[in-house]
N, C-alpha and C. Protein backbone atom coordinates (compact mmCIF):
# COMPACT_ATOMS: atom_id res chain seq x y z
N MET A 1 72.34 144.33 163.83
CA MET A 1 73.32 143.07 163.57
C MET A 1 72.32 142.98 162.28
N PRO A 2 73.10 142.37 160.90
CA PRO A 2 71.76 142.47 159.56
C PRO A 2 71.35 141.04 159.97
N LYS A 3 69.56 140.84 159.57
CA LYS A 3 69.32 139.75 159.89
C LYS A 3 68.89 139.28 158.51
N ARG A 4 68.57 138.38 158.19
CA ARG A 4 68.12 137.44 156.90
C ARG A 4 66.65 137.57 157.02
N GLN A 5 66.49 138.40 155.73
CA GLN A 5 65.85 138.08 154.52
C GLN A 5 64.29 137.62 153.63
N GLU A 6 63.49 137.01 154.77
CA GLU A 6 62.83 135.80 154.08
C GLU A 6 62.05 135.81 152.65
N THR A 7 61.55 137.65 152.30
CA THR A 7 61.00 137.51 151.17
C THR A 7 61.97 137.15 149.91
N ASP A 8 63.24 137.29 149.94
CA ASP A 8 63.73 137.64 148.76
C ASP A 8 65.18 136.42 149.04
N GLU A 9 64.95 135.92 149.93
CA GLU A 9 65.86 134.69 150.22
C GLU A 9 67.41 135.02 150.22
N THR A 10 67.20 136.23 150.87
CA THR A 10 69.27 136.75 150.59
C THR A 10 69.64 136.74 152.21
N LEU A 11 70.79 136.89 152.43
CA LEU A 11 71.55 137.27 153.74
C LEU A 11 72.77 138.61 153.71
N LYS A 12 71.94 139.27 154.67
CA LYS A 12 72.41 140.62 154.23
C LYS A 12 73.72 140.79 155.40
N GLY A 13 74.57 141.11 154.79
CA GLY A 13 75.36 141.62 156.12
C GLY A 13 76.81 140.15 156.10
N TRP A 14 78.08 140.23 156.19
CA TRP A 14 79.03 139.29 156.75
C TRP A 14 79.08 138.99 157.88
N ASN A 15 78.48 139.33 158.74
CA ASN A 15 77.49 138.29 159.77
C ASN A 15 76.79 137.38 159.73
N ALA A 16 75.83 137.60 158.94
CA ALA A 16 74.37 137.10 158.67
C ALA A 16 74.89 135.65 157.59
N ILE A 17 75.84 135.98 156.73
CA ILE A 17 76.46 135.20 155.55
C ILE A 17 77.23 134.15 156.65
N ALA A 18 77.94 134.54 157.23
CA ALA A 18 79.13 133.31 158.61
C ALA A 18 78.51 132.57 159.16
N LYS A 19 77.02 133.05 160.14
CA LYS A 19 76.29 132.44 160.69
C LYS A 19 75.48 131.32 159.81
N TYR A 20 75.03 131.69 158.82
CA TYR A 20 74.68 130.60 157.86
C TYR A 20 74.85 129.44 157.73
N LEU A 21 76.46 129.70 157.26
CA LEU A 21 77.32 129.23 157.32
C LEU A 21 78.04 128.28 158.02
N GLY A 22 77.87 128.91 159.22
CA GLY A 22 78.49 128.07 160.58
C GLY A 22 80.05 128.12 160.59
N GLN A 23 80.88 129.62 160.19
CA GLN A 23 81.93 130.15 159.82
C GLN A 23 81.98 131.35 160.62
N PRO A 24 83.54 131.65 160.60
CA PRO A 24 83.78 132.94 161.59
C PRO A 24 83.73 133.56 159.69
N VAL A 25 83.33 135.35 160.30
CA VAL A 25 83.62 136.05 159.33
C VAL A 25 84.70 135.54 158.22
N SER A 26 86.10 135.79 158.90
CA SER A 26 87.15 135.79 158.57
C SER A 26 87.12 134.90 157.29
N THR A 27 86.58 133.48 157.65
CA THR A 27 86.82 132.32 156.66
C THR A 27 85.70 132.43 155.70
N THR A 28 84.31 132.77 156.38
CA THR A 28 83.39 133.59 154.76
C THR A 28 84.54 135.15 154.08
N GLN A 29 84.91 135.81 154.53
CA GLN A 29 85.48 136.95 153.75
C GLN A 29 86.50 135.98 152.86
N ARG A 30 86.71 135.25 153.17
CA ARG A 30 88.24 134.59 152.36
C ARG A 30 87.80 133.85 151.56
N TRP A 31 86.41 133.48 151.58
CA TRP A 31 85.58 132.30 150.89
C TRP A 31 84.95 133.34 149.80
N ALA A 32 84.52 134.47 149.91
CA ALA A 32 84.51 135.24 149.00
C ALA A 32 85.18 135.57 147.83
N GLN A 33 86.63 135.61 148.42
CA GLN A 33 87.65 136.13 147.79
C GLN A 33 88.23 134.98 146.89
N GLU A 34 87.57 134.30 147.52
CA GLU A 34 87.86 132.83 146.45
C GLU A 34 86.69 131.90 145.51
N GLY A 35 85.76 132.87 145.39
CA GLY A 35 84.96 132.41 144.28
C GLY A 35 83.66 132.88 145.21
N MET A 36 83.25 132.30 146.33
CA MET A 36 81.71 132.41 146.92
C MET A 36 80.91 133.51 146.54
N PRO A 37 80.34 133.50 146.19
CA PRO A 37 78.93 134.12 145.42
C PRO A 37 78.53 135.30 146.09
N VAL A 38 79.00 136.53 146.09
CA VAL A 38 78.08 136.98 147.08
C VAL A 38 78.22 138.98 146.24
N THR A 39 77.76 139.44 146.95
CA THR A 39 77.51 140.72 145.19
C THR A 39 76.84 142.25 146.14
N ARG A 40 77.79 142.90 146.70
CA ARG A 40 77.18 144.15 147.12
C ARG A 40 76.16 144.85 147.24
N ILE A 41 75.69 145.31 148.30
CA ILE A 41 74.19 146.05 148.30
C ILE A 41 74.70 146.82 148.95
N GLY A 42 74.89 148.20 147.97
CA GLY A 42 75.26 149.94 148.44
C GLY A 42 76.58 148.99 149.75
N ARG A 43 76.79 149.63 150.39
CA ARG A 43 78.08 149.26 151.39
C ARG A 43 77.67 148.17 152.11
N TYR A 44 77.08 147.84 152.21
CA TYR A 44 77.27 145.70 152.66
C TYR A 44 77.53 144.81 151.59
N VAL A 45 77.40 143.88 152.59
CA VAL A 45 77.14 142.73 151.13
C VAL A 45 76.49 141.51 151.56
N GLY A 46 75.74 140.85 150.54
CA GLY A 46 74.20 139.80 150.08
C GLY A 46 74.73 139.07 149.74
N ALA A 47 74.35 137.95 150.01
CA ALA A 47 73.71 136.47 149.21
C ALA A 47 72.94 135.84 149.21
N SER A 48 72.61 135.19 147.86
CA SER A 48 70.92 134.37 147.98
C SER A 48 71.36 133.33 148.65
N LEU A 49 70.45 132.56 148.87
CA LEU A 49 70.46 131.30 149.56
C LEU A 49 70.81 129.97 148.66
N ALA A 50 70.62 130.56 147.28
CA ALA A 50 70.16 129.65 146.34
C ALA A 50 71.58 129.26 146.05
N GLU A 51 72.03 130.80 145.80
CA GLU A 51 73.87 130.53 144.88
C GLU A 51 74.40 130.19 145.97
N LEU A 52 74.19 130.31 147.19
CA LEU A 52 75.09 130.00 148.33
C LEU A 52 75.60 128.10 148.00
N GLU A 53 73.89 127.26 148.12
CA GLU A 53 73.87 126.18 148.29
C GLU A 53 74.62 125.74 146.90
N ARG A 54 74.76 126.08 145.85
CA ARG A 54 75.01 125.96 144.30
C ARG A 54 76.46 125.86 144.52
N TRP A 55 76.94 127.18 145.31
CA TRP A 55 78.65 126.77 145.21
C TRP A 55 79.12 126.01 146.50
N LEU A 56 78.70 126.06 147.26
CA LEU A 56 78.80 125.07 148.14
C LEU A 56 78.41 122.90 147.71
N MET A 57 77.45 122.97 146.85
CA MET A 57 77.69 121.35 146.44
C MET A 57 78.62 121.42 145.71
N ARG A 58 78.97 122.72 144.92
CA ARG A 58 80.01 122.63 143.50
C ARG A 58 81.66 122.64 144.06
N GLU A 59 81.44 122.98 145.55
CA GLU A 59 82.99 123.22 146.26
C GLU A 59 83.09 121.65 146.74
N VAL A 60 82.04 121.20 147.13
CA VAL A 60 82.39 119.59 147.92
C VAL A 60 82.17 118.47 147.22
N GLY A 61 81.33 118.64 145.42
CA GLY A 61 81.49 117.52 144.85
C GLY A 61 79.66 116.81 145.41
N ALA A 62 79.23 117.43 146.04
CA ALA A 62 78.31 117.07 146.41
C ALA A 62 76.89 116.08 145.25
N LYS A 63 76.57 115.34 145.25
CA LYS A 63 75.44 115.37 143.72
C LYS A 63 74.42 115.75 144.30
N LYS A 64 73.88 115.50 145.82
CA LYS A 64 72.16 116.17 146.20
C LYS A 64 72.73 117.60 147.39
N PRO A 65 71.89 118.58 147.24
CA PRO A 65 72.08 119.80 148.20
C PRO A 65 72.93 119.73 149.12
N VAL A 66 73.64 120.57 150.21
CA VAL A 66 74.41 120.81 150.83
C VAL A 66 73.98 121.45 152.21
N HIS A 67 73.64 120.54 153.27
CA HIS A 67 72.70 120.85 154.33
C HIS A 67 73.61 121.73 155.09
N ILE A 68 73.37 122.58 155.38
CA ILE A 68 73.66 123.58 156.84
C ILE A 68 72.63 123.22 157.82
N ALA A 69 73.71 122.59 158.98
CA ALA A 69 73.09 122.31 160.09
C ALA A 69 72.95 123.04 160.87
N LYS A 70 71.62 123.22 161.80
CA LYS A 70 71.32 124.08 163.19
C LYS A 70 71.55 123.53 164.39
N ALA A 71 71.70 124.34 164.97
CA ALA A 71 72.11 123.39 166.99
C ALA A 71 70.79 122.06 167.55
N GLN A 72 69.33 122.41 167.17
CA GLN A 72 69.17 121.96 167.34
C GLN A 72 68.12 120.46 166.19
N GLU A 73 69.19 120.36 165.42
CA GLU A 73 68.94 119.25 164.29
C GLU A 73 69.87 117.73 164.70
N ASP A 74 68.96 116.95 164.55
CA ASP A 74 69.17 115.38 164.49
C ASP A 74 70.16 115.58 163.41
N LEU A 75 71.56 115.35 162.94
CA LEU A 75 72.04 115.14 161.84
C LEU A 75 72.47 113.33 161.52
N VAL A 76 72.13 112.03 162.13
CA VAL A 76 72.34 111.28 161.72
C VAL A 76 72.20 110.86 160.48
N ALA A 77 71.02 111.34 160.01
CA ALA A 77 70.62 110.81 158.40
C ALA A 77 71.61 111.69 157.46
N ASP A 78 72.10 113.26 157.80
CA ASP A 78 73.31 113.40 156.78
C ASP A 78 74.58 113.07 156.87
N LEU A 79 74.70 112.26 158.16
CA LEU A 79 75.50 111.64 158.66
C LEU A 79 75.65 110.15 157.55
N ARG A 80 74.90 109.57 157.55
CA ARG A 80 74.81 108.40 156.96
C ARG A 80 74.76 108.66 155.37
N ARG A 81 74.53 109.56 154.71
CA ARG A 81 74.41 109.68 153.69
C ARG A 81 75.31 109.80 152.88
N GLY A 82 75.86 111.29 153.50
CA GLY A 82 77.94 111.40 153.33
C GLY A 82 78.90 110.07 153.36
N LEU A 83 78.86 109.47 154.63
CA LEU A 83 79.15 107.66 154.42
C LEU A 83 79.35 107.32 153.28
N LEU A 84 77.98 106.90 153.12
CA LEU A 84 77.53 106.10 152.04
C LEU A 84 78.14 106.83 150.52
N GLU A 85 78.23 108.55 150.42
CA GLU A 85 78.68 108.89 148.94
C GLU A 85 80.50 108.66 149.17
N ALA A 86 80.61 108.40 150.61
CA ALA A 86 82.37 108.58 150.26
C ALA A 86 82.70 106.57 150.14
N ARG A 87 81.76 105.97 150.46
CA ARG A 87 82.28 104.75 150.57
C ARG A 87 82.09 104.34 148.56
N GLN A 88 81.09 104.75 148.43
CA GLN A 88 80.76 104.72 146.76
C GLN A 88 82.10 105.11 145.99
N ALA A 89 82.21 106.46 146.29
CA ALA A 89 83.83 107.20 145.70
C ALA A 89 84.81 106.32 146.21
N LYS A 90 84.90 105.34 146.85
CA LYS A 90 85.97 105.02 147.93
C LYS A 90 86.07 104.07 145.83
N GLN A 91 84.87 102.84 146.41
CA GLN A 91 84.70 101.52 145.33
C GLN A 91 85.19 102.23 144.08
N LYS A 92 84.53 103.25 143.76
CA LYS A 92 85.05 103.58 142.65
C LYS A 92 86.59 103.76 141.72
N ARG A 93 87.64 104.62 142.97
CA ARG A 93 88.97 104.77 142.71
C ARG A 93 89.51 103.33 143.03
N ALA A 94 88.57 102.67 143.38
CA ALA A 94 89.74 101.13 143.35
C ALA A 94 89.73 100.15 142.43
C-alpha cells in the first residue's frame, strides 16, 4: 500500500490521497479529473500536501487553511470557526 513520504510532503498513490482527504478512491479520482492537483510519478499518481490544501481552500472558499480531520481529534474549534464564517457570509448577503 502507498505510504505518505514525510521528507517531501507528498502522498503517493490513490489510496494514500483518498485516505488523507477522507474520501473513497473513486471520489478522489473524479476530483482529479475535475482539477484537483495530482501528478504522475511513473505509473503511480502523487499529490503535494501543500497543493491539496490550496486547492481545497479555493474549492470551499475558505479564508483559512482547510483542516483534514483525523479520527482521534477534537473538532469543536473547527466547527465553531466554520459556523462563524457561515454566519458572517449570510450577514453579508442580507
